[in-house]
Amino acid sequence: MDPKTIKSISAQIYRQFPEMSGIAPKVRARPVPESQRAFKKPAAPTYLLNYQTKAALPEGKSISRWVRVVVDAQGKIIKITTSH
């Protein structure tokens, strides 16, 4: 995936989740599901971007915070999933 596209997606995530600001995502290509391989038309590749940080809680504890973003090859966000 193009670094410029990743930077654009990250800017959108940083606006929506300020605690993720400055966190570089881990990028993985997602395999095409078996159900879509059966069709004659090829499926567009998708990518998974994982952002992870620790958020501080009032009692001095911390909690892991994840944001998972599924995007297509053009950089369009398909789905965002968060923890906690």
PDB file of N, CA and C in Angstrom:
ATOM      1  N   MET A   1       0.845  -1.169   0.000  1.00  0.00           N
ATOM      2  CA  MET A   1       0.000   0.000   0.000  1.00  0.00           C
ATOM      3  C   MET A   1       0.895   1.238   0.000  1.00  0.00           C
ATOM      4  N   ASP A   2       0.452   2.234  -0.724  1.00  0.00           N
ATOM      5  CA  ASP A   2       1.191   3.484  -0.915  1.00  0.00           C
ATOM      6  C   ASP A   2       1.295   4.273   0.405  1.00  0.00           C
ATOM      7  N   PRO A   3       2.500   4.750   0.771  1.00  0.00           N
ATOM      8  CA  PRO A   3       2.659   5.533   2.014  1.00  0.00           C
ATOM      9  C   PRO A   3       1.785   6.796   2.052  1.00  0.00           C
ATOM     10  N   LYS A   4       1.559   7.399   0.906  1.00  0.00           N
ATOM     11  CA  LYS A   4       0.704   8.595   0.854  1.00  0.00           C
ATOM     12  C   LYS A   4      -0.734   8.251   1.238  1.00  0.00           C
ATOM     13  N   THR A   5      -1.211   7.090   0.784  1.00  0.00           N
ATOM     14  CA  THR A   5      -2.558   6.628   1.125  1.00  0.00           C
ATOM     15  C   THR A   5      -2.661   6.319   2.614  1.00  0.00           C
ATOM     16  N   ILE A   6      -1.637   5.679   3.155  1.00  0.00           N
ATOM     17  CA  ILE A   6      -1.618   5.360   4.588  1.00  0.00           C
ATOM     18  C   ILE A   6      -1.647   6.642   5.410  1.00  0.00           C
ATOM     19  N   LYS A   7      -0.901   7.642   4.977  1.00  0.00           N
ATOM     20  CA  LYS A   7      -0.872   8.928   5.690  1.00  0.00           C
ATOM     21  C   LYS A   7      -2.251   9.592   5.670  1.00  0.00           C
ATOM     22  N   SER A   8      -2.943   9.515   4.538  1.00  0.00           N
ATOM     23  CA  SER A   8      -4.289  10.093   4.415  1.00  0.00           C
ATOM     24  C   SER A   8      -5.285   9.379   5.328  1.00  0.00           C
ATOM     25  N   ILE A   9      -5.222   8.056   5.346  1.00  0.00           N
ATOM     26  CA  ILE A   9      -6.116   7.271   6.209  1.00  0.00           C
ATOM     27  C   ILE A   9      -5.813   7.574   7.675  1.00  0.00           C
ATOM     28  N   SER A  10      -4.521   7.642   8.019  1.00  0.00           N
ATOM     29  CA  SER A  10      -4.131   7.925   9.397  1.00  0.00           C
ATOM     30  C   SER A  10      -4.645   9.282   9.853  1.00  0.00           C
ATOM     31  N   ALA A  11      -4.626  10.276   8.977  1.00  0.00           N
ATOM     32  CA  ALA A  11      -5.138  11.608   9.331  1.00  0.00           C
ATOM     33  C   ALA A  11      -6.617  11.531   9.705  1.00  0.00           C
ATOM     34  N   GLN A  12      -7.385  10.724   8.966  1.00  0.00           N
ATOM     35  CA  GLN A  12      -8.805  10.553   9.283  1.00  0.00           C
ATOM     36  C   GLN A  12      -8.986   9.860  10.636  1.00  0.00           C
ATOM     37  N   ILE A  13      -8.164   8.847  10.897  1.00  0.00           N
ATOM     38  CA  ILE A  13      -8.248   8.113  12.171  1.00  0.00           C
ATOM     39  C   ILE A  13      -7.844   9.009  13.328  1.00  0.00           C
ATOM     40  N   TYR A  14      -6.804   9.840  13.156  1.00  0.00           N
ATOM     41  CA  TYR A  14      -6.363  10.742  14.218  1.00  0.00           C
ATOM     42  C   TYR A  14      -7.440  11.760  14.572  1.00  0.00           C
ATOM     43  N   ARG A  15      -8.218  12.201  13.568  1.00  0.00           N
ATOM     44  CA  ARG A  15      -9.316  13.140  13.850  1.00  0.00           C
ATOM     45  C   ARG A  15     -10.422  12.456  14.658  1.00  0.00           C
ATOM     46  N   GLN A  16     -10.725  11.214  14.298  1.00  0.00           N
ATOM     47  CA  GLN A  16     -11.812  10.496  14.970  1.00  0.00           C
ATOM     48  C   GLN A  16     -11.380   9.934  16.322  1.00  0.00           C
ATOM     49  N   PHE A  17     -10.110   9.547  16.454  1.00  0.00           N
ATOM     50  CA  PHE A  17      -9.577   8.963  17.682  1.00  0.00           C
ATOM     51  C   PHE A  17      -8.299   9.711  18.070  1.00  0.00           C
ATOM     52  N   PRO A  18      -8.408  10.856  18.757  1.00  0.00           N
ATOM     53  CA  PRO A  18      -7.235  11.682  19.077  1.00  0.00           C
ATOM     54  C   PRO A  18      -6.156  10.943  19.885  1.00  0.00           C
ATOM     55  N   GLU A  19      -6.551   9.954  20.676  1.00  0.00           N
ATOM     56  CA  GLU A  19      -5.565   9.219  21.471  1.00  0.00           C
ATOM     57  C   GLU A  19      -4.619   8.394  20.593  1.00  0.00           C
ATOM     58  N   MET A  20      -4.971   8.179  19.332  1.00  0.00           N
ATOM     59  CA  MET A  20      -4.127   7.437  18.391  1.00  0.00           C
ATOM     60  C   MET A  20      -3.160   8.348  17.636  1.00  0.00           C
ATOM     61  N   SER A  21      -3.227   9.627  17.888  1.00  0.00           N
ATOM     62  CA  SER A  21      -2.408  10.600  17.164  1.00  0.00           C
ATOM     63  C   SER A  21      -0.923  10.259  17.260  1.00  0.00           C
ATOM     64  N   GLY A  22      -0.278  10.199  16.117  1.00  0.00           N
ATOM     65  CA  GLY A  22       1.150   9.911  16.060  1.00  0.00           C
ATOM     66  C   GLY A  22       1.500   8.443  16.041  1.00  0.00           C
ATOM     67  N   ILE A  23       0.525   7.556  16.205  1.00  0.00           N
ATOM     68  CA  ILE A  23       0.771   6.119  16.196  1.00  0.00           C
ATOM     69  C   ILE A  23       0.816   5.642  14.743  1.00  0.00           C
ATOM     70  N   ALA A  24       1.889   4.963  14.369  1.00  0.00           N
ATOM     71  CA  ALA A  24       2.001   4.412  13.014  1.00  0.00           C
ATOM     72  C   ALA A  24       1.249   3.071  12.963  1.00  0.00           C
ATOM     73  N   PRO A  25       0.440   2.857  11.940  1.00  0.00           N
ATOM     74  CA  PRO A  25      -0.312   1.599  11.865  1.00  0.00           C
ATOM     75  C   PRO A  25       0.537   0.445  11.351  1.00  0.00           C
ATOM     76  N   LYS A  26       0.137  -0.759  11.736  1.00  0.00           N
ATOM     77  CA  LYS A  26       0.704  -1.965  11.148  1.00  0.00           C
ATOM     78  C   LYS A  26      -0.221  -2.335   9.988  1.00  0.00           C
ATOM     79  N   VAL A  27       0.327  -2.473   8.802  1.00  0.00           N
ATOM     80  CA  VAL A  27      -0.476  -2.694   7.598  1.00  0.00           C
ATOM     81  C   VAL A  27      -0.295  -4.132   7.121  1.00  0.00           C
ATOM     82  N   ARG A  28      -1.439  -4.798   6.869  1.00  0.00           N
ATOM     83  CA  ARG A  28      -1.417  -6.156   6.331  1.00  0.00           C
ATOM     84  C   ARG A  28      -2.412  -6.254   5.193  1.00  0.00           C
ATOM     85  N   ALA A  29      -2.040  -6.989   4.153  1.00  0.00           N
ATOM     86  CA  ALA A  29      -2.984  -7.276   3.074  1.00  0.00           C
ATOM     87  C   ALA A  29      -3.909  -8.385   3.556  1.00  0.00           C
ATOM     88  N   ARG A  30      -5.190  -8.249   3.253  1.00  0.00           N
ATOM     89  CA  ARG A  30      -6.161  -9.269   3.649  1.00  0.00           C
ATOM     90  C   ARG A  30      -6.410 -10.203   2.471  1.00  0.00           C
ATOM     91  N   PRO A  31      -6.462 -11.508   2.733  1.00  0.00           N
ATOM     92  CA  PRO A  31      -6.741 -12.440   1.640  1.00  0.00           C
ATOM     93  C   PRO A  31      -8.184 -12.302   1.163  1.00  0.00           C
ATOM     94  N   VAL A  32      -8.404 -12.617  -0.099  1.00  0.00           N
ATOM     95  CA  VAL A  32      -9.753 -12.580  -0.666  1.00  0.00           C
ATOM     96  C   VAL A  32     -10.525 -13.770  -0.100  1.00  0.00           C
ATOM     97  N   PRO A  33     -11.720 -13.545   0.459  1.00  0.00           N
ATOM     98  CA  PRO A  33     -12.497 -14.651   1.022  1.00  0.00           C
ATOM     99  C   PRO A  33     -12.819 -15.720  -0.027  1.00  0.00           C
ATOM    100  N   GLU A  34     -12.901 -16.957   0.432  1.00  0.00           N
ATOM    101  CA  GLU A  34     -13.187 -18.091  -0.451  1.00  0.00           C
ATOM    102  C   GLU A  34     -14.487 -17.893  -1.222  1.00  0.00           C
ATOM    103  N   SER A  35     -15.475 -17.281  -0.578  1.00  0.00           N
ATOM    104  CA  SER A  35     -16.774 -17.077  -1.234  1.00  0.00           C
ATOM    105  C   SER A  35     -16.663 -16.136  -2.436  1.00  0.00           C
ATOM    106  N   GLN A  36     -15.727 -15.189  -2.401  1.00  0.00           N
ATOM    107  CA  GLN A  36     -15.561 -14.262  -3.509  1.00  0.00           C
ATOM    108  C   GLN A  36     -14.658 -14.820  -4.601  1.00  0.00           C
ATOM    109  N   ARG A  37     -13.858 -15.825  -4.281  1.00  0.00           N
ATOM    110  CA  ARG A  37     -12.991 -16.431  -5.287  1.00  0.00           C
ATOM    111  C   ARG A  37     -13.800 -17.212  -6.317  1.00  0.00           C
ATOM    112  N   ALA A  38     -14.983 -17.680  -5.931  1.00  0.00           N
ATOM    113  CA  ALA A  38     -15.805 -18.488  -6.825  1.00  0.00           C
ATOM    114  C   ALA A  38     -16.390 -17.660  -7.970  1.00  0.00           C
ATOM    115  N   PHE A  39     -16.544 -16.357  -7.763  1.00  0.00           N
ATOM    116  CA  PHE A  39     -17.093 -15.496  -8.805  1.00  0.00           C
ATOM    117  C   PHE A  39     -16.051 -15.270  -9.895  1.00  0.00           C
ATOM    118  N   LYS A  40     -16.523 -15.070 -11.119  1.00  0.00           N
ATOM    119  CA  LYS A  40     -15.608 -14.867 -12.240  1.00  0.00           C
ATOM    120  C   LYS A  40     -14.924 -13.511 -12.173  1.00  0.00           C
ATOM    121  N   LYS A  41     -15.607 -12.519 -11.617  1.00  0.00           N
ATOM    122  CA  LYS A  41     -15.054 -11.179 -11.499  1.00  0.00           C
ATOM    123  C   LYS A  41     -14.079 -11.140 -10.313  1.00  0.00           C
ATOM    124  N   PRO A  42     -12.827 -10.688 -10.503  1.00  0.00           N
ATOM    125  CA  PRO A  42     -11.880 -10.668  -9.377  1.00  0.00           C
ATOM    126  C   PRO A  42     -12.291  -9.642  -8.315  1.00  0.00           C
ATOM    127  N   ALA A  43     -12.097 -10.019  -7.061  1.00  0.00           N
ATOM    128  CA  ALA A  43     -12.424  -9.126  -5.943  1.00  0.00           C
ATOM    129  C   ALA A  43     -11.283  -8.133  -5.741  1.00  0.00           C
ATOM    130  N   ALA A  44     -11.641  -6.936  -5.332  1.00  0.00           N
ATOM    131  CA  ALA A  44     -10.631  -5.901  -5.067  1.00  0.00           C
ATOM    132  C   ALA A  44      -9.880  -6.259  -3.785  1.00  0.00           C
ATOM    133  N   PRO A  45      -8.558  -6.049  -3.761  1.00  0.00           N
ATOM    134  CA  PRO A  45      -7.805  -6.350  -2.537  1.00  0.00           C
ATOM    135  C   PRO A  45      -8.149  -5.360  -1.430  1.00  0.00           C
ATOM    136  N   THR A  46      -8.096  -5.839  -0.208  1.00  0.00           N
ATOM    137  CA  THR A  46      -8.319  -4.968   0.940  1.00  0.00           C
ATOM    138  C   THR A  46      -7.120  -5.078   1.876  1.00  0.00           C
ATOM    139  N   TYR A  47      -6.993  -4.069   2.721  1.00  0.00           N
ATOM    140  CA  TYR A  47      -5.874  -4.004   3.664  1.00  0.00           C
ATOM    141  C   TYR A  47      -6.411  -3.742   5.063  1.00  0.00           C
ATOM    142  N   LEU A  48      -5.697  -4.248   6.046  1.00  0.00           N
ATOM    143  CA  LEU A  48      -6.054  -4.050   7.446  1.00  0.00           C
ATOM    144  C   LEU A  48      -4.977  -3.199   8.094  1.00  0.00           C
ATOM    145  N   LEU A  49      -5.387  -2.069   8.677  1.00  0.00           N
ATOM    146  CA  LEU A  49      -4.466  -1.197   9.405  1.00  0.00           C
ATOM    147  C   LEU A  49      -4.798  -1.292  10.880  1.00  0.00           C
ATOM    148  N   ASN A  50      -3.813  -1.646  11.693  1.00  0.00           N
ATOM    149  CA  ASN A  50      -3.989  -1.760  13.144  1.00  0.00           C
ATOM    150  C   ASN A  50      -3.254  -0.633  13.846  1.00  0.00           C
ATOM    151  N   TYR A  51      -3.978   0.091  14.685  1.00  0.00           N
ATOM    152  CA  TYR A  51      -3.395   1.132  15.528  1.00  0.00           C
ATOM    153  C   TYR A  51      -3.530   0.653  16.970  1.00  0.00           C
ATOM    154  N   GLN A  52      -2.464   0.765  17.771  1.00  0.00           N
ATOM    155  CA  GLN A  52      -2.528   0.331  19.158  1.00  0.00           C
ATOM    156  C   GLN A  52      -1.854   1.362  20.047  1.00  0.00           C
ATOM    157  N   THR A  53      -2.475   1.640  21.199  1.00  0.00           N
ATOM    158  CA  THR A  53      -1.884   2.526  22.193  1.00  0.00           C
ATOM    159  C   THR A  53      -2.400   2.121  23.567  1.00  0.00           C
ATOM    160  N   LYS A  54      -1.864   2.736  24.595  1.00  0.00           N
ATOM    161  CA  LYS A  54      -2.350   2.521  25.961  1.00  0.00           C
ATOM    162  C   LYS A  54      -2.950   3.823  26.450  1.00  0.00           C
ATOM    163  N   ALA A  55      -4.139   3.729  27.030  1.00  0.00           N
ATOM    164  CA  ALA A  55      -4.827   4.901  27.577  1.00  0.00           C
ATOM    165  C   ALA A  55      -4.739   4.841  29.103  1.00  0.00           C
ATOM    166  N   ALA A  56      -4.482   5.982  29.719  1.00  0.00           N
ATOM    167  CA  ALA A  56      -4.373   6.062  31.178  1.00  0.00           C
ATOM    168  C   ALA A  56      -5.763   6.155  31.801  1.00  0.00           C
ATOM    169  N   LEU A  57      -5.955   5.438  32.896  1.00  0.00           N
ATOM    170  CA  LEU A  57      -7.197   5.476  33.659  1.00  0.00           C
ATOM    171  C   LEU A  57      -6.975   6.274  34.938  1.00  0.00           C
ATOM    172  N   PRO A  58      -8.042   6.733  35.584  1.00  0.00           N
ATOM    173  CA  PRO A  58      -7.900   7.600  36.761  1.00  0.00           C
ATOM    174  C   PRO A  58      -7.079   7.021  37.919  1.00  0.00           C
ATOM    175  N   GLU A  59      -7.169   5.720  38.206  1.00  0.00           N
ATOM    176  CA  GLU A  59      -6.465   5.143  39.352  1.00  0.00           C
ATOM    177  C   GLU A  59      -5.006   4.816  39.049  1.00  0.00           C
ATOM    178  N   GLY A  60      -4.463   5.368  37.987  1.00  0.00           N
ATOM    179  CA  GLY A  60      -3.078   5.099  37.630  1.00  0.00           C
ATOM    180  C   GLY A  60      -2.898   3.853  36.783  1.00  0.00           C
ATOM    181  N   LYS A  61      -3.980   3.185  36.472  1.00  0.00           N
ATOM    182  CA  LYS A  61      -3.914   1.994  35.633  1.00  0.00           C
ATOM    183  C   LYS A  61      -3.959   2.417  34.167  1.00  0.00           C
ATOM    184  N   SER A  62      -3.665   1.477  33.301  1.00  0.00           N
ATOM    185  CA  SER A  62      -3.756   1.765  31.871  1.00  0.00           C
ATOM    186  C   SER A  62      -4.507   0.637  31.179  1.00  0.00           C
ATOM    187  N   ILE A  63      -5.025   0.943  30.006  1.00  0.00           N
ATOM    188  CA  ILE A  63      -5.794  -0.025  29.235  1.00  0.00           C
ATOM    189  C   ILE A  63      -5.325   0.036  27.783  1.00  0.00           C
ATOM    190  N   SER A  64      -5.198  -1.133  27.161  1.00  0.00           N
ATOM    191  CA  SER A  64      -4.813  -1.170  25.747  1.00  0.00           C
ATOM    192  C   SER A  64      -5.993  -0.742  24.895  1.00  0.00           C
ATOM    193  N   ARG A  65      -5.713   0.051  23.896  1.00  0.00           N
ATOM    194  CA  ARG A  65      -6.761   0.555  22.994  1.00  0.00           C
ATOM    195  C   ARG A  65      -6.343   0.216  21.574  1.00  0.00           C
ATOM    196  N   TRP A  66      -7.232  -0.448  20.836  1.00  0.00           N
ATOM    197  CA  TRP A  66      -6.976  -0.850  19.464  1.00  0.00           C
ATOM    198  C   TRP A  66      -7.983  -0.200  18.538  1.00  0.00           C
ATOM    199  N   VAL A  67      -7.530   0.178  17.364  1.00  0.00           N
ATOM    200  CA  VAL A  67      -8.421   0.605  16.285  1.00  0.00           C
ATOM    201  C   VAL A  67      -7.993  -0.185  15.055  1.00  0.00           C
ATOM    202  N   ARG A  68      -8.945  -0.936  14.487  1.00  0.00           N
ATOM    203  CA  ARG A  68      -8.692  -1.722  13.279  1.00  0.00           C
ATOM    204  C   ARG A  68      -9.461  -1.075  12.135  1.00  0.00           C
ATOM    205  N   VAL A  69      -8.783  -0.854  11.021  1.00  0.00           N
ATOM    206  CA  VAL A  69      -9.391  -0.179   9.880  1.00  0.00           C
ATOM    207  C   VAL A  69      -9.210  -1.060   8.650  1.00  0.00           C
ATOM    208  N   VAL A  70     -10.315  -1.390   7.992  1.00  0.00           N
ATOM    209  CA  VAL A  70     -10.267  -2.134   6.736  1.00  0.00           C
ATOM    210  C   VAL A  70     -10.454  -1.125   5.613  1.00  0.00           C
ATOM    211  N   VAL A  71      -9.519  -1.116   4.666  1.00  0.00           N
ATOM    212  CA  VAL A  71      -9.576  -0.170   3.551  1.00  0.00           C
ATOM    213  C   VAL A  71      -9.395  -0.917   2.235  1.00  0.00           C
ATOM    214  N   ASP A  72      -9.882  -0.308   1.144  1.00  0.00           N
ATOM    215  CA  ASP A  72      -9.643  -0.889  -0.172  1.00  0.00           C
ATOM    216  C   ASP A  72      -8.336  -0.342  -0.734  1.00  0.00           C
ATOM    217  N   ALA A  73      -7.972  -0.774  -1.932  1.00  0.00           N
ATOM    218  CA  ALA A  73      -6.693  -0.385  -2.532  1.00  0.00           C
ATOM    219  C   ALA A  73      -6.607   1.111  -2.817  1.00  0.00           C
ATOM    220  N   GLN A  74      -7.753   1.784  -2.992  1.00  0.00           N
ATOM    221  CA  GLN A  74      -7.757   3.219  -3.256  1.00  0.00           C
ATOM    222  C   GLN A  74      -7.708   4.046  -1.977  1.00  0.00           C
ATOM    223  N   GLY A  75      -7.799   3.409  -0.819  1.00  0.00           N
ATOM    224  CA  GLY A  75      -7.726   4.126   0.448  1.00  0.00           C
ATOM    225  C   GLY A  75      -9.082   4.474   1.040  1.00  0.00           C
ATOM    226  N   LYS A  76     -10.154   3.941   0.478  1.00  0.00           N
ATOM    227  CA  LYS A  76     -11.497   4.193   1.014  1.00  0.00           C
ATOM    228  C   LYS A  76     -11.712   3.292   2.231  1.00  0.00           C
ATOM    229  N   ILE A  77     -12.127   3.911   3.339  1.00  0.00           N
ATOM    230  CA  ILE A  77     -12.368   3.149   4.567  1.00  0.00           C
ATOM    231  C   ILE A  77     -13.662   2.357   4.413  1.00  0.00           C
ATOM    232  N   ILE A  78     -13.558   1.053   4.612  1.00  0.00           N
ATOM    233  CA  ILE A  78     -14.711   0.162   4.510  1.00  0.00           C
ATOM    234  C   ILE A  78     -15.327  -0.065   5.889  1.00  0.00           C
ATOM    235  N   LYS A  79     -14.467  -0.267   6.891  1.00  0.00           N
ATOM    236  CA  LYS A  79     -14.961  -0.598   8.228  1.00  0.00           C
ATOM    237  C   LYS A  79     -13.943  -0.171   9.273  1.00  0.00           C
ATOM    238  N   ILE A  80     -14.437   0.340  10.409  1.00  0.00           N
ATOM    239  CA  ILE A  80     -13.585   0.688  11.555  1.00  0.00           C
ATOM    240  C   ILE A  80     -14.114  -0.066  12.767  1.00  0.00           C
ATOM    241  N   THR A  81     -13.211  -0.738  13.474  1.00  0.00           N
ATOM    242  CA  THR A  81     -13.568  -1.466  14.683  1.00  0.00           C
ATOM    243  C   THR A  81     -12.643  -0.994  15.794  1.00  0.00           C
ATOM    244  N   THR A  82     -13.219  -0.766  16.993  1.00  0.00           N
ATOM    245  CA  THR A  82     -12.402  -0.331  18.125  1.00  0.00           C
ATOM    246  C   THR A  82     -12.577  -1.271  19.309  1.00  0.00           C
ATOM    247  N   SER A  83     -11.603  -1.247  20.192  1.00  0.00           N
ATOM    248  CA  SER A  83     -11.716  -1.984  21.442  1.00  0.00           C
ATOM    249  C   SER A  83     -12.171  -1.022  22.525  1.00  0.00           C
ATOM    250  N   HIS A  84     -12.834  -1.515  23.498  1.00  0.00           N
ATOM    251  CA  HIS A  84     -13.296  -0.775  24.679  1.00  0.00           C
ATOM    252  C   HIS A  84     -14.009   0.478  24.273  1.00  0.00           C
TER     253      HIS A  84
END
